[in-house]
C-alpha atoms as a PDB file:
ATOM      1  CA  MET A   1     -18.639  -3.254 -59.285  1.00  0.00           C
ATOM      2  CA  ASN A   2     -16.117  -5.744 -57.950  1.00  0.00           C
ATOM      3  CA  VAL A   3     -16.196  -7.678 -54.646  1.00  0.00           C
ATOM      4  CA  ARG A   4     -13.780  -5.302 -52.895  1.00  0.00           C
ATOM      5  CA  ALA A   5     -15.954  -2.320 -53.750  1.00  0.00           C
ATOM      6  CA  TYR A   6     -19.043  -4.012 -52.269  1.00  0.00           C
ATOM      7  CA  ILE A   7     -17.188  -4.982 -49.098  1.00  0.00           C
ATOM      8  CA  SER A   8     -15.732  -1.470 -48.817  1.00  0.00           C
ATOM      9  CA  MET A   9     -19.229  -0.004 -49.087  1.00  0.00           C
ATOM     10  CA  ALA A  10     -20.528  -2.343 -46.380  1.00  0.00           C
ATOM     11  CA  VAL A  11     -17.621  -1.497 -44.075  1.00  0.00           C
ATOM     12  CA  ALA A  12     -18.176   2.217 -44.675  1.00  0.00           C
ATOM     13  CA  ALA A  13     -21.840   1.823 -43.754  1.00  0.00           C
ATOM     14  CA  VAL A  14     -20.867   0.098 -40.502  1.00  0.00           C
ATOM     15  CA  VAL A  15     -18.241   2.739 -39.691  1.00  0.00           C
ATOM     16  CA  ILE A  16     -20.541   5.657 -40.497  1.00  0.00           C
ATOM     17  CA  GLY A  17     -23.395   4.102 -38.538  1.00  0.00           C
ATOM     18  CA  GLY A  18     -21.161   3.038 -35.660  1.00  0.00           C
ATOM     19  CA  CYS A  19     -20.150   5.098 -32.683  1.00  0.00           C
ATOM     20  CA  THR A  20     -16.917   5.585 -30.850  1.00  0.00           C
ATOM     21  CA  THR A  21     -15.426   2.475 -29.283  1.00  0.00           C
ATOM     22  CA  ALA A  22     -16.195   3.538 -25.699  1.00  0.00           C
ATOM     23  CA  PRO A  23     -19.697   4.673 -24.778  1.00  0.00           C
ATOM     24  CA  ARG A  24     -19.761   8.450 -24.323  1.00  0.00           C
ATOM     25  CA  SER A  25     -21.474   8.634 -20.939  1.00  0.00           C
ATOM     26  CA  GLU A  26     -20.457   7.038 -17.639  1.00  0.00           C
ATOM     27  CA  GLU A  27     -23.900   5.446 -17.556  1.00  0.00           C
ATOM     28  CA  GLY A  28     -23.289   3.922 -20.999  1.00  0.00           C
ATOM     29  CA  ARG A  29     -19.875   2.613 -19.925  1.00  0.00           C
ATOM     30  CA  SER A  30     -21.378   1.126 -16.755  1.00  0.00           C
ATOM     31  CA  ASP A  31     -24.222  -0.456 -18.765  1.00  0.00           C
ATOM     32  CA  ILE A  32     -21.907  -2.159 -21.281  1.00  0.00           C
ATOM     33  CA  ARG A  33     -19.695  -3.508 -18.467  1.00  0.00           C
ATOM     34  CA  SER A  34     -22.793  -4.892 -16.670  1.00  0.00           C
ATOM     35  CA  GLU A  35     -24.118  -6.434 -19.888  1.00  0.00           C
ATOM     36  CA  ALA A  36     -20.731  -8.018 -20.602  1.00  0.00           C
ATOM     37  CA  MET A  37     -20.498  -9.520 -17.102  1.00  0.00           C
ATOM     38  CA  ALA A  38     -24.083 -10.826 -17.405  1.00  0.00           C
ATOM     39  CA  THR A  39     -23.175 -12.385 -20.770  1.00  0.00           C
ATOM     40  CA  VAL A  40     -20.176 -14.167 -19.213  1.00  0.00           C
ATOM     41  CA  THR A  41     -22.339 -15.441 -16.329  1.00  0.00           C
ATOM     42  CA  LYS A  42     -24.972 -16.719 -18.763  1.00  0.00           C
ATOM     43  CA  ALA A  43     -22.325 -18.328 -21.001  1.00  0.00           C
ATOM     44  CA  GLN A  44     -20.765 -20.110 -18.023  1.00  0.00           C
ATOM     45  CA  GLY A  45     -24.251 -21.339 -17.079  1.00  0.00           C
ATOM     46  CA  GLN A  46     -24.632 -22.851 -20.541  1.00  0.00           C
ATOM     47  CA  ASP A  47     -21.137 -24.383 -20.452  1.00  0.00           C
ATOM     48  CA  SER A  48     -19.442 -24.910 -17.102  1.00  0.00           C
ATOM     49  CA  THR A  49     -16.111 -25.650 -18.828  1.00  0.00           C
ATOM     50  CA  LEU A  50     -15.974 -22.076 -20.113  1.00  0.00           C
ATOM     51  CA  ALA A  51     -15.108 -20.812 -16.615  1.00  0.00           C
ATOM     52  CA  ASN A  52     -11.764 -22.642 -16.771  1.00  0.00           C
ATOM     53  CA  ALA A  53     -11.044 -21.366 -20.282  1.00  0.00           C
ATOM     54  CA  LEU A  54     -11.671 -17.780 -19.140  1.00  0.00           C
ATOM     55  CA  SER A  55      -9.769 -18.070 -15.841  1.00  0.00           C
ATOM     56  CA  THR A  56      -6.649 -19.414 -17.575  1.00  0.00           C
ATOM     57  CA  ALA A  57      -6.847 -16.987 -20.512  1.00  0.00           C
ATOM     58  CA  ASN A  58      -4.690 -13.900 -20.768  1.00  0.00           C
ATOM     59  CA  GLY A  59      -7.848 -12.006 -21.629  1.00  0.00           C
ATOM     60  CA  TYR A  60     -11.225 -12.152 -23.310  1.00  0.00           C
ATOM     61  CA  ALA A  61     -13.465  -9.731 -25.180  1.00  0.00           C
ATOM     62  CA  VAL A  62     -17.195  -9.931 -24.579  1.00  0.00           C
ATOM     63  CA  PHE A  63     -19.731  -8.536 -27.046  1.00  0.00           C
ATOM     64  CA  PRO A  64     -23.144  -8.852 -25.359  1.00  0.00           C
ATOM     65  CA  THR A  65     -25.106  -7.962 -28.501  1.00  0.00           C
ATOM     66  CA  VAL A  66     -23.939  -8.135 -32.093  1.00  0.00           C
ATOM     67  CA  GLY A  67     -26.539  -7.178 -34.683  1.00  0.00           C
ATOM     68  CA  LYS A  68     -26.172  -8.545 -38.186  1.00  0.00           C
ATOM     69  CA  GLY A  69     -28.191  -7.939 -41.342  1.00  0.00           C
ATOM     70  CA  ALA A  70     -27.830  -8.647 -45.029  1.00  0.00           C
ATOM     71  CA  VAL A  71     -29.407  -8.491 -48.443  1.00  0.00           C
ATOM     72  CA  GLY A  72     -26.544  -9.701 -50.636  1.00  0.00           C
ATOM     73  CA  ILE A  73     -24.158  -7.361 -48.830  1.00  0.00           C
ATOM     74  CA  GLY A  74     -24.015  -7.858 -45.087  1.00  0.00           C
ATOM     75  CA  ALA A  75     -22.829  -5.893 -42.102  1.00  0.00           C
ATOM     76  CA  ALA A  76     -22.651  -6.472 -38.355  1.00  0.00           C
ATOM     77  CA  TYR A  77     -21.728  -4.312 -35.393  1.00  0.00           C
ATOM     78  CA  GLY A  78     -21.382  -4.720 -31.654  1.00  0.00           C
ATOM     79  CA  LYS A  79     -19.783  -3.012 -28.663  1.00  0.00           C
ATOM     80  CA  GLY A  80     -17.943  -4.926 -25.980  1.00  0.00           C
ATOM     81  CA  VAL A  81     -15.556  -4.986 -23.054  1.00  0.00           C
ATOM     82  CA  LEU A  82     -12.046  -6.437 -22.859  1.00  0.00           C
ATOM     83  CA  PHE A  83     -11.239  -8.271 -19.630  1.00  0.00           C
ATOM     84  CA  GLU A  84      -7.809  -9.294 -18.378  1.00  0.00           C
ATOM     85  CA  HIS A  85      -7.857 -11.835 -15.546  1.00  0.00           C
ATOM     86  CA  GLY A  86     -11.521 -11.006 -14.871  1.00  0.00           C
ATOM     87  CA  VAL A  87     -11.020  -7.224 -14.665  1.00  0.00           C
ATOM     88  CA  ALA A  88     -12.475  -4.830 -17.254  1.00  0.00           C
ATOM     89  CA  MET A  89      -9.541  -3.093 -18.967  1.00  0.00           C
ATOM     90  CA  GLY A  90     -11.125  -1.357 -21.938  1.00  0.00           C
ATOM     91  CA  TYR A  91     -13.842  -1.124 -24.544  1.00  0.00           C
ATOM     92  CA  CYS A  92     -13.885  -2.700 -27.961  1.00  0.00           C
ATOM     93  CA  ASP A  93     -16.093  -2.864 -30.958  1.00  0.00           C
ATOM     94  CA  LEU A  94     -16.663  -5.363 -33.714  1.00  0.00           C
ATOM     95  CA  SER A  95     -17.427  -4.501 -37.332  1.00  0.00           C
ATOM     96  CA  GLN A  96     -18.126  -7.120 -39.947  1.00  0.00           C
ATOM     97  CA  ALA A  97     -18.689  -6.936 -43.671  1.00  0.00           C
ATOM     98  CA  SER A  98     -19.576  -9.782 -45.999  1.00  0.00           C
ATOM     99  CA  ILE A  99     -20.780 -10.413 -49.507  1.00  0.00           C
ATOM    100  CA  GLY A 100     -22.461 -13.401 -51.047  1.00  0.00           C
ATOM    101  CA  LEU A 101     -25.756 -15.224 -50.962  1.00  0.00           C
ATOM    102  CA  GLN A 102     -27.269 -13.932 -47.727  1.00  0.00           C
ATOM    103  CA  LEU A 103     -30.577 -12.556 -46.547  1.00  0.00           C
ATOM    104  CA  GLY A 104     -32.028 -11.713 -43.157  1.00  0.00           C
ATOM    105  CA  GLY A 105     -30.988 -10.461 -39.795  1.00  0.00           C
ATOM    106  CA  GLN A 106     -29.924 -11.845 -36.457  1.00  0.00           C
ATOM    107  CA  GLY A 107     -28.499 -10.926 -33.104  1.00  0.00           C
ATOM    108  CA  TYR A 108     -26.050 -12.880 -31.002  1.00  0.00           C
ATOM    109  CA  SER A 109     -23.421 -12.625 -28.269  1.00  0.00           C
ATOM    110  CA  GLU A 110     -19.736 -13.261 -28.946  1.00  0.00           C
ATOM    111  CA  ILE A 111     -16.842 -14.032 -26.592  1.00  0.00           C
ATOM    112  CA  ILE A 112     -13.276 -14.029 -27.927  1.00  0.00           C
ATOM    113  CA  VAL A 113     -10.727 -15.764 -25.711  1.00  0.00           C
ATOM    114  CA  PHE A 114      -7.006 -14.928 -25.956  1.00  0.00           C
ATOM    115  CA  SER A 115      -4.824 -17.779 -24.680  1.00  0.00           C
ATOM    116  CA  THR A 116      -1.468 -16.101 -25.306  1.00  0.00           C
ATOM    117  CA  PRO A 117      -0.044 -12.701 -24.351  1.00  0.00           C
ATOM    118  CA  GLU A 118       0.816 -12.134 -28.020  1.00  0.00           C
ATOM    119  CA  ALA A 119      -2.784 -12.640 -29.186  1.00  0.00           C
ATOM    120  CA  LEU A 120      -4.063 -10.271 -26.490  1.00  0.00           C
ATOM    121  CA  ALA A 121      -1.430  -7.657 -27.331  1.00  0.00           C
ATOM    122  CA  LYS A 122      -2.344  -7.865 -31.028  1.00  0.00           C
ATOM    123  CA  PHE A 123      -6.023  -7.311 -30.190  1.00  0.00           C
ATOM    124  CA  LYS A 124      -5.153  -4.278 -28.081  1.00  0.00           C
ATOM    125  CA  THR A 125      -3.363  -2.601 -31.003  1.00  0.00           C
ATOM    126  CA  GLY A 126      -6.822  -1.876 -32.397  1.00  0.00           C
ATOM    127  CA  ASN A 127      -5.896  -3.430 -35.737  1.00  0.00           C
ATOM    128  CA  PHE A 128      -7.045  -6.971 -35.024  1.00  0.00           C
ATOM    129  CA  ALA A 129      -9.112  -8.771 -37.670  1.00  0.00           C
ATOM    130  CA  PHE A 130     -10.402 -12.224 -38.525  1.00  0.00           C
ATOM    131  CA  ASP A 131     -10.413 -13.287 -42.130  1.00  0.00           C
ATOM    132  CA  ALA A 132     -13.019 -15.415 -43.856  1.00  0.00           C
ATOM    133  CA  GLN A 133     -11.460 -18.617 -42.531  1.00  0.00           C
ATOM    134  CA  ALA A 134     -12.016 -17.787 -38.835  1.00  0.00           C
ATOM    135  CA  THR A 135     -14.706 -19.929 -37.248  1.00  0.00           C
ATOM    136  CA  ALA A 136     -16.824 -19.457 -34.172  1.00  0.00           C
ATOM    137  CA  VAL A 137     -18.098 -22.263 -31.961  1.00  0.00           C
ATOM    138  CA  ALA A 138     -21.710 -22.163 -30.763  1.00  0.00           C
ATOM    139  CA  LEU A 139     -21.601 -22.306 -26.983  1.00  0.00           C
ATOM    140  CA  LYS A 140     -22.949 -25.553 -25.531  1.00  0.00           C
ATOM    141  CA  ALA A 141     -21.877 -27.961 -22.813  1.00  0.00           C
ATOM    142  CA  GLY A 142     -18.186 -28.849 -23.171  1.00  0.00           C
ATOM    143  CA  ALA A 143     -17.343 -26.221 -25.794  1.00  0.00           C
ATOM    144  CA  GLY A 144     -14.926 -24.405 -23.450  1.00  0.00           C
ATOM    145  CA  ALA A 145     -12.997 -27.569 -22.687  1.00  0.00           C
ATOM    146  CA  ASN A 146     -12.764 -28.515 -26.361  1.00  0.00           C
ATOM    147  CA  ALA A 147     -12.008 -25.052 -27.744  1.00  0.00           C
ATOM    148  CA  LYS A 148      -9.888 -24.996 -30.881  1.00  0.00           C
ATOM    149  CA  TYR A 149      -7.469 -22.081 -30.662  1.00  0.00           C
ATOM    150  CA  ALA A 150      -6.033 -20.588 -33.844  1.00  0.00           C
ATOM    151  CA  ASP A 151      -3.089 -18.252 -33.273  1.00  0.00           C
ATOM    152  CA  GLY A 152      -3.972 -18.082 -29.566  1.00  0.00           C
ATOM    153  CA  VAL A 153      -7.624 -17.114 -30.175  1.00  0.00           C
ATOM    154  CA  ALA A 154     -10.930 -18.992 -29.780  1.00  0.00           C
ATOM    155  CA  VAL A 155     -14.358 -17.533 -30.568  1.00  0.00           C
ATOM    156  CA  PHE A 156     -17.656 -18.548 -28.959  1.00  0.00           C
ATOM    157  CA  THR A 157     -21.144 -17.375 -29.889  1.00  0.00           C
ATOM    158  CA  MET A 158     -24.483 -17.850 -28.148  1.00  0.00           C
ATOM    159  CA  ASP A 159     -28.137 -16.834 -28.225  1.00  0.00           C
ATOM    160  CA  GLU A 160     -28.374 -16.539 -31.970  1.00  0.00           C
ATOM    161  CA  ALA A 161     -31.806 -15.066 -32.617  1.00  0.00           C
ATOM    162  CA  GLY A 162     -33.405 -14.107 -35.878  1.00  0.00           C
ATOM    163  CA  LEU A 163     -33.376 -15.649 -39.295  1.00  0.00           C
ATOM    164  CA  MET A 164     -30.347 -15.475 -41.540  1.00  0.00           C
ATOM    165  CA  TYR A 165     -29.576 -17.491 -44.649  1.00  0.00           C
ATOM    166  CA  GLU A 166     -25.939 -17.140 -45.484  1.00  0.00           C
ATOM    167  CA  ALA A 167     -23.321 -18.445 -47.898  1.00  0.00           C
ATOM    168  CA  SER A 168     -20.900 -15.556 -47.927  1.00  0.00           C
ATOM    169  CA  ILE A 169     -17.334 -14.405 -47.405  1.00  0.00           C
ATOM    170  CA  GLY A 170     -16.160 -11.579 -45.227  1.00  0.00           C
ATOM    171  CA  GLY A 171     -14.351 -10.859 -42.010  1.00  0.00           C
ATOM    172  CA  GLN A 172     -14.524  -9.189 -38.631  1.00  0.00           C
ATOM    173  CA  LYS A 173     -12.439  -6.183 -37.568  1.00  0.00           C
ATOM    174  CA  PHE A 174     -12.037  -4.947 -34.028  1.00  0.00           C
ATOM    175  CA  SER A 175     -10.986  -1.739 -32.357  1.00  0.00           C
ATOM    176  CA  TYR A 176      -9.918  -1.202 -28.737  1.00  0.00           C
ATOM    177  CA  GLN A 177      -9.806   1.713 -26.314  1.00  0.00           C
ATOM    178  CA  PRO A 178      -8.356   1.363 -22.773  1.00  0.00           C
ATOM    179  CA  LEU A 179     -10.483   2.452 -19.788  1.00  0.00           C
END
């Protein structure tokens, strides 16, 4: 089997195991919004410069919990909320597939900051993806002030828990659904 077939199988597993972009119940929607806001508050506590990055951004997507696992073929999934100027505007989800030398599992939070209207609009099409070259910055003091934007997008991660050995290639794909 070739690399594309393995990645396609991993993506299919994520899609089949995943749910709709927006939680089905009002309670679920309220919970994910609360978790996303708590994640932003915690992230700003870890890096006070992130507040400025978020307040000047056109928007940001917050994924409070992304679960990732792999044994050769890896997959990750998380649900989140898209904010524009601090106001929740919709729900989003993240799916990731990878292949390579990898083993283990981990959970983490991810915040994607959109510095341009074009980057935000592209995300909202529901066909937004990062390729293997996209990099995330672990959130620590000063990370927000020193963010490296690529095509109007910066990615921050925090609270990585679990054990994952990884030397792989893959990418993240996102979907979006307005409130």
